[in-house]
PDB file of N, CA and C in Angstrom:
ATOM      1  N   UNK A   1     -45.199  13.718  84.822  1.00  0.00           N
ATOM      2  CA  UNK A   1     -45.943  13.564  85.805  1.00  0.00           C
ATOM      3  C   UNK A   1     -46.257  15.005  86.481  1.00  0.00           C
ATOM      4  N   UNK A   2     -47.758  15.307  86.942  1.00  0.00           N
ATOM      5  CA  UNK A   2     -47.723  16.292  87.355  1.00  0.00           C
ATOM      6  C   UNK A   2     -47.541  16.884  88.742  1.00  0.00           C
ATOM      7  N   UNK A   3     -47.371  17.887  89.440  1.00  0.00           N
ATOM      8  CA  UNK A   3     -46.921  18.207  90.562  1.00  0.00           C
ATOM      9  C   UNK A   3     -47.401  17.601  91.638  1.00  0.00           C
ATOM     10  N   UNK A   4     -48.845  17.567  91.552  1.00  0.00           N
ATOM     11  CA  UNK A   4     -49.737  16.744  92.934  1.00  0.00           C
ATOM     12  C   UNK A   4     -49.501  15.425  92.880  1.00  0.00           C
ATOM     13  N   UNK A   5     -49.290  14.543  91.651  1.00  0.00           N
ATOM     14  CA  UNK A   5     -49.099  13.416  91.570  1.00  0.00           C
ATOM     15  C   UNK A   5     -47.837  12.807  92.105  1.00  0.00           C
ATOM     16  N   UNK A   6     -46.585  13.829  91.745  1.00  0.00           N
ATOM     17  CA  UNK A   6     -45.306  13.813  92.219  1.00  0.00           C
ATOM     18  C   UNK A   6     -45.631  13.973  93.875  1.00  0.00           C
ATOM     19  N   UNK A   7     -46.214  14.984  94.367  1.00  0.00           N
ATOM     20  CA  UNK A   7     -46.412  15.236  95.765  1.00  0.00           C
ATOM     21  C   UNK A   7     -47.066  14.156  96.691  1.00  0.00           C
ATOM     22  N   UNK A   8     -47.986  13.481  96.048  1.00  0.00           N
ATOM     23  CA  UNK A   8     -48.813  12.458  96.916  1.00  0.00           C
ATOM     24  C   UNK A   8     -48.009  11.345  96.815  1.00  0.00           C
ATOM     25  N   UNK A   9     -47.151  10.930  95.676  1.00  0.00           N
ATOM     26  CA  UNK A   9     -46.419   9.814  95.676  1.00  0.00           C
ATOM     27  C   UNK A   9     -45.238   9.657  96.751  1.00  0.00           C
ATOM     28  N   UNK A  10     -44.440  11.082  96.777  1.00  0.00           N
ATOM     29  CA  UNK A  10     -43.664  11.458  97.793  1.00  0.00           C
ATOM     30  C   UNK A  10     -44.048  11.383  99.419  1.00  0.00           C
ATOM     31  N   UNK A  11     -45.330  11.817  99.507  1.00  0.00           N
ATOM     32  CA  UNK A  11     -45.956  11.715 100.896  1.00  0.00           C
ATOM     33  C   UNK A  11     -46.290  10.320 101.199  1.00  0.00           C
ATOM     34  N   UNK A  12     -46.472   9.398 100.150  1.00  0.00           N
ATOM     35  CA  UNK A  12     -46.853   8.001 100.224  1.00  0.00           C
ATOM     36  C   UNK A  12     -45.544   7.132 100.834  1.00  0.00           C
ATOM     37  N   UNK A  13     -44.413   7.727 100.100  1.00  0.00           N
ATOM     38  CA  UNK A  13     -43.035   7.170 100.512  1.00  0.00           C
ATOM     39  C   UNK A  13     -42.805   7.363 101.867  1.00  0.00           C
ATOM     40  N   UNK A  14     -43.114   8.692 102.294  1.00  0.00           N
ATOM     41  CA  UNK A  14     -42.677   9.230 103.554  1.00  0.00           C
ATOM     42  C   UNK A  14     -43.348   8.577 104.630  1.00  0.00           C
ATOM     43  N   UNK A  15     -44.794   8.171 104.397  1.00  0.00           N
ATOM     44  CA  UNK A  15     -45.510   7.156 105.526  1.00  0.00           C
ATOM     45  C   UNK A  15     -45.102   5.874 105.521  1.00  0.00           C
ATOM     46  N   UNK A  16     -44.582   5.338 104.170  1.00  0.00           N
ATOM     47  CA  UNK A  16     -44.276   3.835 104.524  1.00  0.00           C
ATOM     48  C   UNK A  16     -42.653   3.788 104.857  1.00  0.00           C
ATOM     49  N   UNK A  17     -41.746   4.879 104.612  1.00  0.00           N
ATOM     50  CA  UNK A  17     -40.605   4.635 105.237  1.00  0.00           C
ATOM     51  C   UNK A  17     -40.002   6.248 106.098  1.00  0.00           C
ATOM     52  N   UNK A  18     -40.724   6.064 107.321  1.00  0.00           N
ATOM     53  CA  UNK A  18     -40.332   7.543 107.742  1.00  0.00           C
ATOM     54  C   UNK A  18     -38.931   8.087 107.869  1.00  0.00           C
ATOM     55  N   UNK A  19     -38.521   9.172 107.995  1.00  0.00           N
ATOM     56  CA  UNK A  19     -37.306   9.621 107.714  1.00  0.00           C
ATOM     57  C   UNK A  19     -36.556   9.305 109.430  1.00  0.00           C
ATOM     58  N   UNK A  20     -35.470   9.538 109.714  1.00  0.00           N
ATOM     59  CA  UNK A  20     -34.828   9.821 111.006  1.00  0.00           C
ATOM     60  C   UNK A  20     -35.199  10.912 111.518  1.00  0.00           C
ATOM     61  N   UNK A  21     -35.091  10.883 112.831  1.00  0.00           N
ATOM     62  CA  UNK A  21     -35.513  12.087 113.736  1.00  0.00           C
ATOM     63  C   UNK A  21     -34.818  13.427 113.324  1.00  0.00           C
ATOM     64  N   UNK A  22     -33.560  13.364 112.732  1.00  0.00           N
ATOM     65  CA  UNK A  22     -32.945  14.613 112.363  1.00  0.00           C
ATOM     66  C   UNK A  22     -33.421  15.056 111.164  1.00  0.00           C
ATOM     67  N   UNK A  23     -33.728  14.440 110.273  1.00  0.00           N
ATOM     68  CA  UNK A  23     -34.280  14.458 109.126  1.00  0.00           C
ATOM     69  C   UNK A  23     -35.817  15.219 108.953  1.00  0.00           C
ATOM     70  N   UNK A  24     -36.518  14.504 110.027  1.00  0.00           N
ATOM     71  CA  UNK A  24     -37.749  14.854 110.097  1.00  0.00           C
ATOM     72  C   UNK A  24     -37.887  16.371 110.821  1.00  0.00           C
ATOM     73  N   UNK A  25     -36.851  16.458 111.612  1.00  0.00           N
ATOM     74  CA  UNK A  25     -36.856  17.791 112.287  1.00  0.00           C
ATOM     75  C   UNK A  25     -36.683  18.950 111.305  1.00  0.00           C
ATOM     76  N   UNK A  26     -35.522  18.552 110.206  1.00  0.00           N
ATOM     77  CA  UNK A  26     -35.175  19.753 109.290  1.00  0.00           C
ATOM     78  C   UNK A  26     -36.503  19.806 108.306  1.00  0.00           C
ATOM     79  N   UNK A  27     -36.994  18.635 108.061  1.00  0.00           N
ATOM     80  CA  UNK A  27     -38.315  18.895 107.107  1.00  0.00           C
ATOM     81  C   UNK A  27     -39.538  19.750 108.059  1.00  0.00           C
ATOM     82  N   UNK A  28     -39.556  19.533 109.180  1.00  0.00           N
ATOM     83  CA  UNK A  28     -40.396  20.204 109.762  1.00  0.00           C
ATOM     84  C   UNK A  28     -40.181  21.901 109.604  1.00  0.00           C
ATOM     85  N   UNK A  29     -39.034  22.150 110.140  1.00  0.00           N
ATOM     86  CA  UNK A  29     -38.465  23.541 110.418  1.00  0.00           C
ATOM     87  C   UNK A  29     -38.651  24.007 108.974  1.00  0.00           C
ATOM     88  N   UNK A  30     -38.312  23.646 108.048  1.00  0.00           N
ATOM     89  CA  UNK A  30     -38.414  23.933 106.512  1.00  0.00           C
ATOM     90  C   UNK A  30     -39.997  24.379 106.184  1.00  0.00           C
ATOM     91  N   UNK A  31     -40.842  23.409 106.706  1.00  0.00           N
ATOM     92  CA  UNK A  31     -42.080  23.434 106.384  1.00  0.00           C
ATOM     93  C   UNK A  31     -42.919  25.152 107.281  1.00  0.00           C
ATOM     94  N   UNK A  32     -42.517  24.938 108.333  1.00  0.00           N
ATOM     95  CA  UNK A  32     -42.827  26.132 109.256  1.00  0.00           C
ATOM     96  C   UNK A  32     -42.101  27.638 108.694  1.00  0.00           C
ATOM     97  N   UNK A  33     -40.906  27.526 108.166  1.00  0.00           N
ATOM     98  CA  UNK A  33     -40.444  28.671 107.601  1.00  0.00           C
ATOM     99  C   UNK A  33     -41.180  29.047 106.286  1.00  0.00           C
ATOM    100  N   UNK A  34     -41.453  27.978 105.324  1.00  0.00           N
ATOM    101  CA  UNK A  34     -42.084  28.099 104.402  1.00  0.00           C
ATOM    102  C   UNK A  34     -43.596  28.961 104.473  1.00  0.00           C
ATOM    103  N   UNK A  35     -44.570  28.368 105.596  1.00  0.00           N
ATOM    104  CA  UNK A  35     -45.511  28.830 106.022  1.00  0.00           C
ATOM    105  C   UNK A  35     -45.384  30.315 106.447  1.00  0.00           C
ATOM    106  N   UNK A  36     -44.213  30.417 107.150  1.00  0.00           N
ATOM    107  CA  UNK A  36     -44.247  31.980 107.835  1.00  0.00           C
ATOM    108  C   UNK A  36     -43.937  32.847 106.684  1.00  0.00           C
ATOM    109  N   UNK A  37     -43.337  32.502 105.692  1.00  0.00           N
ATOM    110  CA  UNK A  37     -42.898  33.480 104.796  1.00  0.00           C
ATOM    111  C   UNK A  37     -44.106  33.759 103.890  1.00  0.00           C
ATOM    112  N   UNK A  38     -44.874  32.363 103.541  1.00  0.00           N
ATOM    113  CA  UNK A  38     -46.029  33.077 103.033  1.00  0.00           C
ATOM    114  C   UNK A  38     -47.174  33.773 103.375  1.00  0.00           C
ATOM    115  N   UNK A  39     -47.219  33.614 104.743  1.00  0.00           N
ATOM    116  CA  UNK A  39     -48.185  34.169 105.624  1.00  0.00           C
ATOM    117  C   UNK A  39     -47.612  35.749 105.631  1.00  0.00           C
ATOM    118  N   UNK A  40     -46.319  35.832 105.990  1.00  0.00           N
ATOM    119  CA  UNK A  40     -45.892  37.464 106.059  1.00  0.00           C
ATOM    120  C   UNK A  40     -45.887  38.118 104.494  1.00  0.00           C
ATOM    121  N   UNK A  41     -45.982  37.371 103.674  1.00  0.00           N
ATOM    122  CA  UNK A  41     -46.142  37.925 102.149  1.00  0.00           C
ATOM    123  C   UNK A  41     -47.590  38.218 102.258  1.00  0.00           C
ATOM    124  N   UNK A  42     -48.495  37.472 102.471  1.00  0.00           N
ATOM    125  CA  UNK A  42     -49.811  37.710 102.478  1.00  0.00           C
ATOM    126  C   UNK A  42     -50.319  38.968 103.155  1.00  0.00           C
ATOM    127  N   UNK A  43     -49.576  39.081 104.394  1.00  0.00           N
ATOM    128  CA  UNK A  43     -50.076  39.871 105.352  1.00  0.00           C
ATOM    129  C   UNK A  43     -49.240  41.379 105.121  1.00  0.00           C
ATOM    130  N   UNK A  44     -48.130  41.490 104.550  1.00  0.00           N
ATOM    131  CA  UNK A  44     -47.054  42.697 104.473  1.00  0.00           C
ATOM    132  C   UNK A  44     -47.003  42.989 103.094  1.00  0.00           C
ATOM    133  N   UNK A  45     -47.132  42.174 102.280  1.00  0.00           N
ATOM    134  CA  UNK A  45     -46.914  42.245 100.735  1.00  0.00           C
ATOM    135  C   UNK A  45     -45.452  42.441 100.292  1.00  0.00           C
ATOM    136  N   UNK A  46     -44.875  41.476 100.812  1.00  0.00           N
ATOM    137  CA  UNK A  46     -43.084  41.623 100.744  1.00  0.00           C
ATOM    138  C   UNK A  46     -42.693  41.557  99.432  1.00  0.00           C
ATOM    139  N   UNK A  47     -43.220  40.649  98.834  1.00  0.00           N
ATOM    140  CA  UNK A  47     -42.760  40.452  97.335  1.00  0.00           C
ATOM    141  C   UNK A  47     -43.723  41.228  96.371  1.00  0.00           C
ATOM    142  N   UNK A  48     -43.319  42.197  95.352  1.00  0.00           N
ATOM    143  CA  UNK A  48     -43.874  42.934  94.637  1.00  0.00           C
ATOM    144  C   UNK A  48     -44.547  42.102  93.350  1.00  0.00           C
ATOM    145  N   UNK A  49     -45.982  42.266  93.026  1.00  0.00           N
ATOM    146  CA  UNK A  49     -46.428  41.322  92.157  1.00  0.00           C
ATOM    147  C   UNK A  49     -46.552  41.906  90.953  1.00  0.00           C
ATOM    148  N   UNK A  50     -46.378  41.251  89.685  1.00  0.00           N
ATOM    149  CA  UNK A  50     -46.580  41.808  88.480  1.00  0.00           C
ATOM    150  C   UNK A  50     -47.916  41.190  87.705  1.00  0.00           C
ATOM    151  N   UNK A  51     -47.991  41.523  86.343  1.00  0.00           N
ATOM    152  CA  UNK A  51     -49.090  40.836  85.823  1.00  0.00           C
ATOM    153  C   UNK A  51     -48.734  39.705  85.549  1.00  0.00           C
ATOM    154  N   UNK A  52     -47.635  39.046  85.541  1.00  0.00           N
ATOM    155  CA  UNK A  52     -47.331  37.352  85.589  1.00  0.00           C
ATOM    156  C   UNK A  52     -47.252  36.902  87.043  1.00  0.00           C
ATOM    157  N   UNK A  53     -47.918  37.382  88.075  1.00  0.00           N
ATOM    158  CA  UNK A  53     -47.673  36.856  89.224  1.00  0.00           C
ATOM    159  C   UNK A  53     -46.335  37.562  89.953  1.00  0.00           C
ATOM    160  N   UNK A  54     -45.623  36.981  90.740  1.00  0.00           N
ATOM    161  CA  UNK A  54     -44.845  37.543  91.471  1.00  0.00           C
ATOM    162  C   UNK A  54     -43.460  37.687  90.615  1.00  0.00           C
ATOM    163  N   UNK A  55     -42.921  38.898  90.929  1.00  0.00           N
ATOM    164  CA  UNK A  55     -41.686  39.275  90.137  1.00  0.00           C
ATOM    165  C   UNK A  55     -40.596  38.209  90.541  1.00  0.00           C
ATOM    166  N   UNK A  56     -39.689  38.109  89.690  1.00  0.00           N
ATOM    167  CA  UNK A  56     -38.587  37.124  89.820  1.00  0.00           C
ATOM    168  C   UNK A  56     -37.692  38.044  90.779  1.00  0.00           C
ATOM    169  N   UNK A  57     -37.078  37.352  92.135  1.00  0.00           N
ATOM    170  CA  UNK A  57     -36.438  37.843  92.850  1.00  0.00           C
ATOM    171  C   UNK A  57     -34.755  37.967  92.358  1.00  0.00           C
ATOM    172  N   UNK A  58     -34.345  36.989  91.482  1.00  0.00           N
ATOM    173  CA  UNK A  58     -33.122  37.282  91.094  1.00  0.00           C
ATOM    174  C   UNK A  58     -33.161  37.432  89.585  1.00  0.00           C
ATOM    175  N   UNK A  59     -32.458  38.259  88.966  1.00  0.00           N
ATOM    176  CA  UNK A  59     -32.254  38.562  87.587  1.00  0.00           C
ATOM    177  C   UNK A  59     -30.931  38.286  87.070  1.00  0.00           C
ATOM    178  N   UNK A  60     -31.023  37.065  86.111  1.00  0.00           N
ATOM    179  CA  UNK A  60     -29.819  36.926  85.504  1.00  0.00           C
ATOM    180  C   UNK A  60     -29.433  37.490  84.159  1.00  0.00           C
ATOM    181  N   UNK A  61     -28.528  38.506  84.196  1.00  0.00           N
ATOM    182  CA  UNK A  61     -28.258  39.311  83.118  1.00  0.00           C
ATOM    183  C   UNK A  61     -26.786  38.953  82.640  1.00  0.00           C
TER     184      UNK A  61
END
């Protein structure tokens, strides 16, 4: 299953069975944090880019 279909199914489940207050707050905080990191990356070029997109942050050797 492709990621867009998986995401739309998960969102449909959330609308049918909304989470509790604590889980909803955690989800909103995670969403805001992800958006802030993405915007900061665009504004300040925090993560170096390579020919293949972003460089791997962790290298496992």
